[in-house]
PDB file of N, CA and C in Angstrom:
ATOM      1  N   MET A   1     152.004 212.644 -95.239  1.00  0.00           N
ATOM      2  CA  MET A   1     150.914 213.567 -96.438  1.00  0.00           C
ATOM      3  C   MET A   1     152.577 213.523 -96.717  1.00  0.00           C
ATOM      4  N   GLY A   2     152.662 212.975 -98.432  1.00  0.00           N
ATOM      5  CA  GLY A   2     154.229 213.234 -99.367  1.00  0.00           C
ATOM      6  C   GLY A   2     153.995 214.281 -99.682  1.00  0.00           C
ATOM      7  N   GLY A   3     152.919 214.204-101.112  1.00  0.00           N
ATOM      8  CA  GLY A   3     151.962 215.502-101.513  1.00  0.00           C
ATOM      9  C   GLY A   3     153.933 215.684-103.035  1.00  0.00           C
ATOM     10  N   VAL A   4     153.246 217.701-102.837  1.00  0.00           N
ATOM     11  CA  VAL A   4     154.366 217.897-103.240  1.00  0.00           C
ATOM     12  C   VAL A   4     155.625 217.272-103.463  1.00  0.00           C
ATOM     13  N   THR A   5     157.220 216.257-102.703  1.00  0.00           N
ATOM     14  CA  THR A   5     157.429 216.448-102.817  1.00  0.00           C
ATOM     15  C   THR A   5     157.467 214.631-103.217  1.00  0.00           C
ATOM     16  N   GLU A   6     156.647 213.988-103.137  1.00  0.00           N
ATOM     17  CA  GLU A   6     156.655 212.326-104.001  1.00  0.00           C
ATOM     18  C   GLU A   6     156.256 213.608-105.801  1.00  0.00           C
ATOM     19  N   TYR A   7     155.945 214.967-106.214  1.00  0.00           N
ATOM     20  CA  TYR A   7     155.872 214.821-107.622  1.00  0.00           C
ATOM     21  C   TYR A   7     156.878 214.652-108.246  1.00  0.00           C
ATOM     22  N   PRO A   8     158.427 214.586-108.432  1.00  0.00           N
ATOM     23  CA  PRO A   8     159.712 214.752-109.254  1.00  0.00           C
ATOM     24  C   PRO A   8     159.716 213.335-109.333  1.00  0.00           C
ATOM     25  N   PHE A   9     159.326 212.258-108.785  1.00  0.00           N
ATOM     26  CA  PHE A   9     159.812 211.152-109.286  1.00  0.00           C
ATOM     27  C   PHE A   9     158.533 210.416-109.693  1.00  0.00           C
ATOM     28  N   MET A  10     157.130 211.222-110.132  1.00  0.00           N
ATOM     29  CA  MET A  10     156.229 210.419-110.420  1.00  0.00           C
ATOM     30  C   MET A  10     156.026 210.388-112.068  1.00  0.00           C
ATOM     31  N   SER A  11     155.352 209.623-112.090  1.00  0.00           N
ATOM     32  CA  SER A  11     155.646 209.653-114.258  1.00  0.00           C
ATOM     33  C   SER A  11     154.583 211.139-114.970  1.00  0.00           C
ATOM     34  N   PRO A  12     154.652 211.696-115.842  1.00  0.00           N
ATOM     35  CA  PRO A  12     154.434 212.665-116.198  1.00  0.00           C
ATOM     36  C   PRO A  12     152.600 211.945-116.958  1.00  0.00           C
ATOM     37  N   LYS A  13     152.491 211.160-116.735  1.00  0.00           N
ATOM     38  CA  LYS A  13     150.936 210.543-116.752  1.00  0.00           C
ATOM     39  C   LYS A  13     150.583 210.416-115.843  1.00  0.00           C
ATOM     40  N   THR A  14     151.465 210.494-114.785  1.00  0.00           N
ATOM     41  CA  THR A  14     150.203 210.139-112.999  1.00  0.00           C
ATOM     42  C   THR A  14     149.828 211.573-112.854  1.00  0.00           C
ATOM     43  N   LEU A  15     150.824 212.496-112.883  1.00  0.00           N
ATOM     44  CA  LEU A  15     151.581 213.848-112.691  1.00  0.00           C
ATOM     45  C   LEU A  15     149.838 214.402-113.690  1.00  0.00           C
ATOM     46  N   LYS A  16     149.488 213.892-115.080  1.00  0.00           N
ATOM     47  CA  LYS A  16     148.585 214.071-115.452  1.00  0.00           C
ATOM     48  C   LYS A  16     147.499 214.361-115.032  1.00  0.00           C
ATOM     49  N   GLU A  17     147.305 212.841-114.152  1.00  0.00           N
ATOM     50  CA  GLU A  17     146.074 212.154-114.073  1.00  0.00           C
ATOM     51  C   GLU A  17     145.759 213.383-112.617  1.00  0.00           C
ATOM     52  N   GLU A  18     146.746 212.784-111.894  1.00  0.00           N
ATOM     53  CA  GLU A  18     146.504 214.245-110.135  1.00  0.00           C
ATOM     54  C   GLU A  18     146.258 215.197-110.700  1.00  0.00           C
ATOM     55  N   SER A  19     147.286 216.074-111.633  1.00  0.00           N
ATOM     56  CA  SER A  19     146.175 217.531-111.779  1.00  0.00           C
ATOM     57  C   SER A  19     144.935 217.757-112.269  1.00  0.00           C
ATOM     58  N   THR A  20     144.173 216.840-113.080  1.00  0.00           N
ATOM     59  CA  THR A  20     143.029 216.796-113.765  1.00  0.00           C
ATOM     60  C   THR A  20     142.277 216.736-112.359  1.00  0.00           C
ATOM     61  N   ASN A  21     142.469 215.452-112.082  1.00  0.00           N
ATOM     62  CA  ASN A  21     141.165 215.246-110.577  1.00  0.00           C
ATOM     63  C   ASN A  21     141.791 216.847-110.011  1.00  0.00           C
ATOM     64  N   ALA A  22     142.917 216.979-109.591  1.00  0.00           N
ATOM     65  CA  ALA A  22     143.099 218.398-108.875  1.00  0.00           C
ATOM     66  C   ALA A  22     141.859 219.334-109.719  1.00  0.00           C
ATOM     67  N   LEU A  23     141.511 219.313-110.563  1.00  0.00           N
ATOM     68  CA  LEU A  23     140.926 220.451-111.277  1.00  0.00           C
ATOM     69  C   LEU A  23     139.344 220.215-111.426  1.00  0.00           C
ATOM     70  N   LEU A  24     138.918 218.997-111.644  1.00  0.00           N
ATOM     71  CA  LEU A  24     137.558 218.738-111.363  1.00  0.00           C
ATOM     72  C   LEU A  24     137.194 218.917-109.733  1.00  0.00           C
ATOM     73  N   ARG A  25     138.004 218.432-109.140  1.00  0.00           N
ATOM     74  CA  ARG A  25     137.648 218.498-107.836  1.00  0.00           C
ATOM     75  C   ARG A  25     137.311 220.374-107.801  1.00  0.00           C
ATOM     76  N   PHE A  26     138.733 220.582-107.974  1.00  0.00           N
ATOM     77  CA  PHE A  26     138.457 222.064-107.305  1.00  0.00           C
ATOM     78  C   PHE A  26     136.740 222.994-108.538  1.00  0.00           C
ATOM     79  N   TRP A  27     136.621 222.954-110.071  1.00  0.00           N
ATOM     80  CA  TRP A  27     135.399 222.619-110.518  1.00  0.00           C
ATOM     81  C   TRP A  27     134.000 222.073-109.585  1.00  0.00           C
ATOM     82  N   LYS A  28     133.894 221.244-108.672  1.00  0.00           N
ATOM     83  CA  LYS A  28     132.943 221.233-108.093  1.00  0.00           C
ATOM     84  C   LYS A  28     132.312 221.412-107.160  1.00  0.00           C
ATOM     85  N   ASN A  29     134.213 221.728-105.829  1.00  0.00           N
ATOM     86  CA  ASN A  29     133.895 222.612-105.326  1.00  0.00           C
ATOM     87  C   ASN A  29     133.000 224.766-105.639  1.00  0.00           C
ATOM     88  N   GLY A  30     133.870 224.303-106.623  1.00  0.00           N
ATOM     89  CA  GLY A  30     133.215 226.286-106.880  1.00  0.00           C
ATOM     90  C   GLY A  30     132.412 225.850-107.908  1.00  0.00           C
ATOM     91  N   LEU A  31     131.276 224.877-107.969  1.00  0.00           N
ATOM     92  CA  LEU A  31     130.122 225.150-108.816  1.00  0.00           C
ATOM     93  C   LEU A  31     129.307 224.449-107.597  1.00  0.00           C
ATOM     94  N   GLN A  32     129.018 223.828-106.083  1.00  0.00           N
ATOM     95  CA  GLN A  32     128.766 224.132-104.783  1.00  0.00           C
ATOM     96  C   GLN A  32     128.611 225.045-104.527  1.00  0.00           C
ATOM     97  N   LYS A  33     129.597 225.839-104.834  1.00  0.00           N
ATOM     98  CA  LYS A  33     129.119 226.865-103.311  1.00  0.00           C
ATOM     99  C   LYS A  33     128.977 227.507-104.333  1.00  0.00           C
ATOM    100  N   PHE A  34     128.923 228.036-106.133  1.00  0.00           N
ATOM    101  CA  PHE A  34     128.112 229.017-106.596  1.00  0.00           C
ATOM    102  C   PHE A  34     126.909 228.493-106.339  1.00  0.00           C
ATOM    103  N   GLY A  35     126.328 227.376-106.081  1.00  0.00           N
ATOM    104  CA  GLY A  35     124.553 227.169-106.262  1.00  0.00           C
ATOM    105  C   GLY A  35     124.351 226.812-105.320  1.00  0.00           C
ATOM    106  N   GLN A  36     125.412 227.425-103.425  1.00  0.00           N
ATOM    107  CA  GLN A  36     124.627 227.560-101.730  1.00  0.00           C
ATOM    108  C   GLN A  36     124.323 228.985-102.344  1.00  0.00           C
ATOM    109  N   SER A  37     125.077 229.792-103.005  1.00  0.00           N
ATOM    110  CA  SER A  37     125.162 231.606-102.485  1.00  0.00           C
ATOM    111  C   SER A  37     123.853 232.135-103.188  1.00  0.00           C
TER     112      SER A  37
END
């Protein structure tokens, strides 16, 4: 589990995709929690 330590070696394109994916997951999780409450 490298995680943050790997980011300096990633290309900007990969970094952008990773951050976008993380945002999407965060957004979906938030929607699910909101829908359950």
